[in-house]
Amino acid sequence: MPMRVESLEVLEKADVAPAQARAIVRAIEIEITGATDTIATKQDLAAVAQDVGALKQDVTALKQDVTVLKQDVFGLKQELATFRVEVRHDNELLRREMSESQAKLRGELLAEIHASVSGVTRQMYLALLGQMGLLFGFVYFFTTHLR
């Protein structure tokens, strides 16, 4: 960037030495040249606007994804509630079946115990009658032969 004559004239009118005026103007030009790298241009702003637009689209897509996820979670909650009801129902059925099976097994066990006890009781009474008959036989034998 060439040095402007007006800048030098302003500094020389302010009683600044020409060498210092040239150095000041040159330093200002260097700073301005360096500042163009840091100053945003219209193209930079347009690129940023495009990036913001892309980010808005991404946020919109994410919001849609979140909405879909919420619907999926709601569906899963409903399925879980249905599953809980089914499990409770199955649990009740199993409890009833177990109670019925226990009652049936108790009945069968009692019938079997009763059958074996009655058989044993019958054998015991027959053995007792046999022993009493044998005892009466001995008593009869001794009473008839000892007289």
C-alpha atoms as a PDB file:
ATOM      1  CA  MET A   1       0.000   0.000   0.000  1.00  0.00           C
ATOM      2  CA  PRO A   2       1.580   3.307  -1.102  1.00  0.00           C
ATOM      3  CA  MET A   3       2.026   6.112   1.337  1.00  0.00           C
ATOM      4  CA  ARG A   4      -0.493   8.932   0.904  1.00  0.00           C
ATOM      5  CA  VAL A   5       0.785  12.443   0.576  1.00  0.00           C
ATOM      6  CA  GLU A   6      -2.077  13.887   2.610  1.00  0.00           C
ATOM      7  CA  SER A   7      -1.058  11.792   5.637  1.00  0.00           C
ATOM      8  CA  LEU A   8       2.476  13.147   5.492  1.00  0.00           C
ATOM      9  CA  GLU A   9       1.254  16.720   5.066  1.00  0.00           C
ATOM     10  CA  VAL A  10      -0.984  16.456   8.141  1.00  0.00           C
ATOM     11  CA  LEU A  11       1.918  15.257  10.253  1.00  0.00           C
ATOM     12  CA  GLU A  12       4.351  17.863   8.852  1.00  0.00           C
ATOM     13  CA  LYS A  13       1.832  20.666   9.575  1.00  0.00           C
ATOM     14  CA  ALA A  14       1.755  19.440  13.156  1.00  0.00           C
ATOM     15  CA  ASP A  15       5.499  20.138  13.324  1.00  0.00           C
ATOM     16  CA  VAL A  16       6.521  16.489  13.216  1.00  0.00           C
ATOM     17  CA  ALA A  17       9.891  15.820  11.603  1.00  0.00           C
ATOM     18  CA  PRO A  18       9.582  14.347   8.079  1.00  0.00           C
ATOM     19  CA  ALA A  19      11.448  11.153   9.032  1.00  0.00           C
ATOM     20  CA  GLN A  20       9.163  10.615  12.031  1.00  0.00           C
ATOM     21  CA  ALA A  21       6.076  11.449   9.935  1.00  0.00           C
ATOM     22  CA  ARG A  22       7.087   8.856   7.354  1.00  0.00           C
ATOM     23  CA  ALA A  23       7.715   6.276  10.136  1.00  0.00           C
ATOM     24  CA  ILE A  24       4.325   6.961  11.730  1.00  0.00           C
ATOM     25  CA  VAL A  25       2.476   6.717   8.411  1.00  0.00           C
ATOM     26  CA  ARG A  26       4.387   3.531   7.527  1.00  0.00           C
ATOM     27  CA  ALA A  27       3.545   1.986  10.930  1.00  0.00           C
ATOM     28  CA  ILE A  28      -0.131   2.860  10.468  1.00  0.00           C
ATOM     29  CA  GLU A  29      -0.121   1.313   6.978  1.00  0.00           C
ATOM     30  CA  ILE A  30       1.461  -1.870   8.341  1.00  0.00           C
ATOM     31  CA  GLU A  31      -1.208  -2.078  11.048  1.00  0.00           C
ATOM     32  CA  ILE A  32      -4.016  -1.499   8.549  1.00  0.00           C
ATOM     33  CA  THR A  33      -2.598  -4.178   6.232  1.00  0.00           C
ATOM     34  CA  GLY A  34      -2.392  -6.617   9.157  1.00  0.00           C
ATOM     35  CA  ALA A  35      -5.875  -5.658  10.297  1.00  0.00           C
ATOM     36  CA  THR A  36      -7.459  -6.765   7.027  1.00  0.00           C
ATOM     37  CA  ASP A  37      -6.744 -10.342   8.082  1.00  0.00           C
ATOM     38  CA  THR A  38      -8.718  -9.880  11.289  1.00  0.00           C
ATOM     39  CA  ILE A  39     -11.553  -7.739   9.932  1.00  0.00           C
ATOM     40  CA  ALA A  40     -14.558  -9.728   8.761  1.00  0.00           C
ATOM     41  CA  THR A  41     -15.565  -9.245   5.148  1.00  0.00           C
ATOM     42  CA  LYS A  42     -18.930  -9.773   3.527  1.00  0.00           C
ATOM     43  CA  GLN A  43     -17.736 -13.135   2.243  1.00  0.00           C
ATOM     44  CA  ASP A  44     -16.724 -14.112   5.792  1.00  0.00           C
ATOM     45  CA  LEU A  45     -20.139 -13.091   7.101  1.00  0.00           C
ATOM     46  CA  ALA A  46     -21.837 -15.008   4.261  1.00  0.00           C
ATOM     47  CA  ALA A  47     -19.799 -18.136   5.166  1.00  0.00           C
ATOM     48  CA  VAL A  48     -20.740 -17.737   8.819  1.00  0.00           C
ATOM     49  CA  ALA A  49     -24.400 -17.313   7.820  1.00  0.00           C
ATOM     50  CA  GLN A  50     -24.177 -20.548   5.804  1.00  0.00           C
ATOM     51  CA  ASP A  51     -22.621 -22.322   8.786  1.00  0.00           C
ATOM     52  CA  VAL A  52     -25.388 -21.006  11.050  1.00  0.00           C
ATOM     53  CA  GLY A  53     -27.983 -22.194   8.528  1.00  0.00           C
ATOM     54  CA  ALA A  54     -26.372 -25.640   8.466  1.00  0.00           C
ATOM     55  CA  LEU A  55     -26.345 -25.687  12.260  1.00  0.00           C
ATOM     56  CA  LYS A  56     -30.025 -24.748  12.324  1.00  0.00           C
ATOM     57  CA  GLN A  57     -30.757 -27.642   9.980  1.00  0.00           C
ATOM     58  CA  ASP A  58     -28.739 -29.956  12.220  1.00  0.00           C
ATOM     59  CA  VAL A  59     -30.622 -28.727  15.293  1.00  0.00           C
ATOM     60  CA  THR A  60     -33.937 -29.243  13.484  1.00  0.00           C
ATOM     61  CA  ALA A  61     -32.872 -32.777  12.533  1.00  0.00           C
ATOM     62  CA  LEU A  62     -31.815 -33.436  16.125  1.00  0.00           C
ATOM     63  CA  LYS A  63     -35.164 -32.165  17.393  1.00  0.00           C
ATOM     64  CA  GLN A  64     -36.913 -34.542  15.013  1.00  0.00           C
ATOM     65  CA  ASP A  65     -34.695 -37.383  16.215  1.00  0.00           C
ATOM     66  CA  VAL A  66     -35.505 -36.519  19.828  1.00  0.00           C
ATOM     67  CA  THR A  67     -39.216 -36.506  18.969  1.00  0.00           C
ATOM     68  CA  VAL A  68     -38.875 -39.949  17.377  1.00  0.00           C
ATOM     69  CA  LEU A  69     -36.942 -41.179  20.415  1.00  0.00           C
ATOM     70  CA  LYS A  70     -39.622 -39.832  22.739  1.00  0.00           C
ATOM     71  CA  GLN A  71     -42.258 -41.696  20.743  1.00  0.00           C
ATOM     72  CA  ASP A  72     -40.153 -44.855  20.869  1.00  0.00           C
ATOM     73  CA  VAL A  73     -39.712 -44.508  24.623  1.00  0.00           C
ATOM     74  CA  PHE A  74     -43.451 -43.959  25.030  1.00  0.00           C
ATOM     75  CA  GLY A  75     -44.104 -47.079  22.951  1.00  0.00           C
ATOM     76  CA  LEU A  76     -41.617 -49.038  25.045  1.00  0.00           C
ATOM     77  CA  LYS A  77     -43.290 -47.840  28.233  1.00  0.00           C
ATOM     78  CA  GLN A  78     -46.651 -49.051  26.922  1.00  0.00           C
ATOM     79  CA  GLU A  79     -45.158 -52.404  25.935  1.00  0.00           C
ATOM     80  CA  LEU A  80     -43.540 -52.695  29.355  1.00  0.00           C
ATOM     81  CA  ALA A  81     -46.857 -51.958  31.056  1.00  0.00           C
ATOM     82  CA  THR A  82     -48.555 -54.606  28.907  1.00  0.00           C
ATOM     83  CA  PHE A  83     -45.756 -57.051  29.689  1.00  0.00           C
ATOM     84  CA  ARG A  84     -46.133 -56.380  33.423  1.00  0.00           C
ATOM     85  CA  VAL A  85     -49.862 -57.105  33.225  1.00  0.00           C
ATOM     86  CA  GLU A  86     -49.171 -60.324  31.311  1.00  0.00           C
ATOM     87  CA  VAL A  87     -46.507 -61.388  33.810  1.00  0.00           C
ATOM     88  CA  ARG A  88     -48.838 -60.720  36.729  1.00  0.00           C
ATOM     89  CA  HIS A  89     -51.602 -62.689  35.018  1.00  0.00           C
ATOM     90  CA  ASP A  90     -49.232 -65.574  34.279  1.00  0.00           C
ATOM     91  CA  ASN A  91     -47.988 -65.414  37.862  1.00  0.00           C
ATOM     92  CA  GLU A  92     -51.541 -65.709  39.175  1.00  0.00           C
ATOM     93  CA  LEU A  93     -52.209 -68.655  36.845  1.00  0.00           C
ATOM     94  CA  LEU A  94     -49.049 -70.379  38.024  1.00  0.00           C
ATOM     95  CA  ARG A  95     -49.996 -69.832  41.655  1.00  0.00           C
ATOM     96  CA  ARG A  96     -53.436 -71.299  41.062  1.00  0.00           C
ATOM     97  CA  GLU A  97     -51.969 -74.282  39.226  1.00  0.00           C
ATOM     98  CA  MET A  98     -49.444 -74.806  42.027  1.00  0.00           C
ATOM     99  CA  SER A  99     -52.205 -74.624  44.643  1.00  0.00           C
ATOM    100  CA  GLU A 100     -54.308 -77.106  42.696  1.00  0.00           C
ATOM    101  CA  SER A 101     -51.316 -79.400  42.243  1.00  0.00           C
ATOM    102  CA  GLN A 102     -50.493 -79.208  45.950  1.00  0.00           C
ATOM    103  CA  ALA A 103     -54.096 -79.981  46.873  1.00  0.00           C
ATOM    104  CA  LYS A 104     -54.174 -82.901  44.456  1.00  0.00           C
ATOM    105  CA  LEU A 105     -50.857 -84.249  45.770  1.00  0.00           C
ATOM    106  CA  ARG A 106     -52.074 -83.893  49.354  1.00  0.00           C
ATOM    107  CA  GLY A 107     -55.246 -85.783  48.489  1.00  0.00           C
ATOM    108  CA  GLU A 108     -53.329 -88.540  46.730  1.00  0.00           C
ATOM    109  CA  LEU A 109     -50.807 -88.760  49.566  1.00  0.00           C
ATOM    110  CA  LEU A 110     -53.556 -88.945  52.193  1.00  0.00           C
ATOM    111  CA  ALA A 111     -55.372 -91.619  50.181  1.00  0.00           C
ATOM    112  CA  GLU A 112     -52.178 -93.635  49.858  1.00  0.00           C
ATOM    113  CA  ILE A 113     -51.384 -93.260  53.576  1.00  0.00           C
ATOM    114  CA  HIS A 114     -54.964 -94.244  54.437  1.00  0.00           C
ATOM    115  CA  ALA A 115     -54.782 -97.293  52.170  1.00  0.00           C
ATOM    116  CA  SER A 116     -51.479 -98.452  53.644  1.00  0.00           C
ATOM    117  CA  VAL A 117     -52.618 -97.727  57.212  1.00  0.00           C
ATOM    118  CA  SER A 118     -55.863 -99.620  56.706  1.00  0.00           C
ATOM    119  CA  GLY A 119     -53.941-102.562  55.230  1.00  0.00           C
ATOM    120  CA  VAL A 120     -51.504-102.543  58.131  1.00  0.00           C
ATOM    121  CA  THR A 121     -54.365-102.195  60.618  1.00  0.00           C
ATOM    122  CA  ARG A 122     -56.154-105.149  59.044  1.00  0.00           C
ATOM    123  CA  GLN A 123     -52.982-107.252  59.265  1.00  0.00           C
ATOM    124  CA  MET A 124     -52.486-106.201  62.875  1.00  0.00           C
ATOM    125  CA  TYR A 125     -56.049-107.217  63.800  1.00  0.00           C
ATOM    126  CA  LEU A 126     -55.672-110.557  62.014  1.00  0.00           C
ATOM    127  CA  ALA A 127     -52.360-111.180  63.798  1.00  0.00           C
ATOM    128  CA  LEU A 128     -54.003-110.254  67.125  1.00  0.00           C
ATOM    129  CA  LEU A 129     -56.933-112.603  66.415  1.00  0.00           C
ATOM    130  CA  GLY A 130     -54.490-115.355  65.457  1.00  0.00           C
ATOM    131  CA  GLN A 131     -52.521-114.878  68.664  1.00  0.00           C
ATOM    132  CA  MET A 132     -55.719-114.837  70.717  1.00  0.00           C
ATOM    133  CA  GLY A 133     -56.830-118.044  68.996  1.00  0.00           C
ATOM    134  CA  LEU A 134     -53.474-119.640  69.701  1.00  0.00           C
ATOM    135  CA  LEU A 135     -53.658-118.459  73.329  1.00  0.00           C
ATOM    136  CA  PHE A 136     -57.177-119.866  73.714  1.00  0.00           C
ATOM    137  CA  GLY A 137     -55.909-123.096  72.162  1.00  0.00           C
ATOM    138  CA  PHE A 138     -53.125-123.334  74.772  1.00  0.00           C
ATOM    139  CA  VAL A 139     -55.558-122.506  77.557  1.00  0.00           C
ATOM    140  CA  TYR A 140     -58.014-125.151  76.282  1.00  0.00           C
ATOM    141  CA  PHE A 141     -55.214-127.690  75.920  1.00  0.00           C
ATOM    142  CA  PHE A 142     -53.930-127.093  79.447  1.00  0.00           C
ATOM    143  CA  THR A 143     -57.349-127.021  81.028  1.00  0.00           C
ATOM    144  CA  THR A 144     -58.424-130.270  79.369  1.00  0.00           C
ATOM    145  CA  HIS A 145     -55.222-132.175  80.020  1.00  0.00           C
ATOM    146  CA  LEU A 146     -54.446-130.958  83.462  1.00  0.00           C
ATOM    147  CA  ARG A 147     -57.656-131.994  85.079  1.00  0.00           C
END
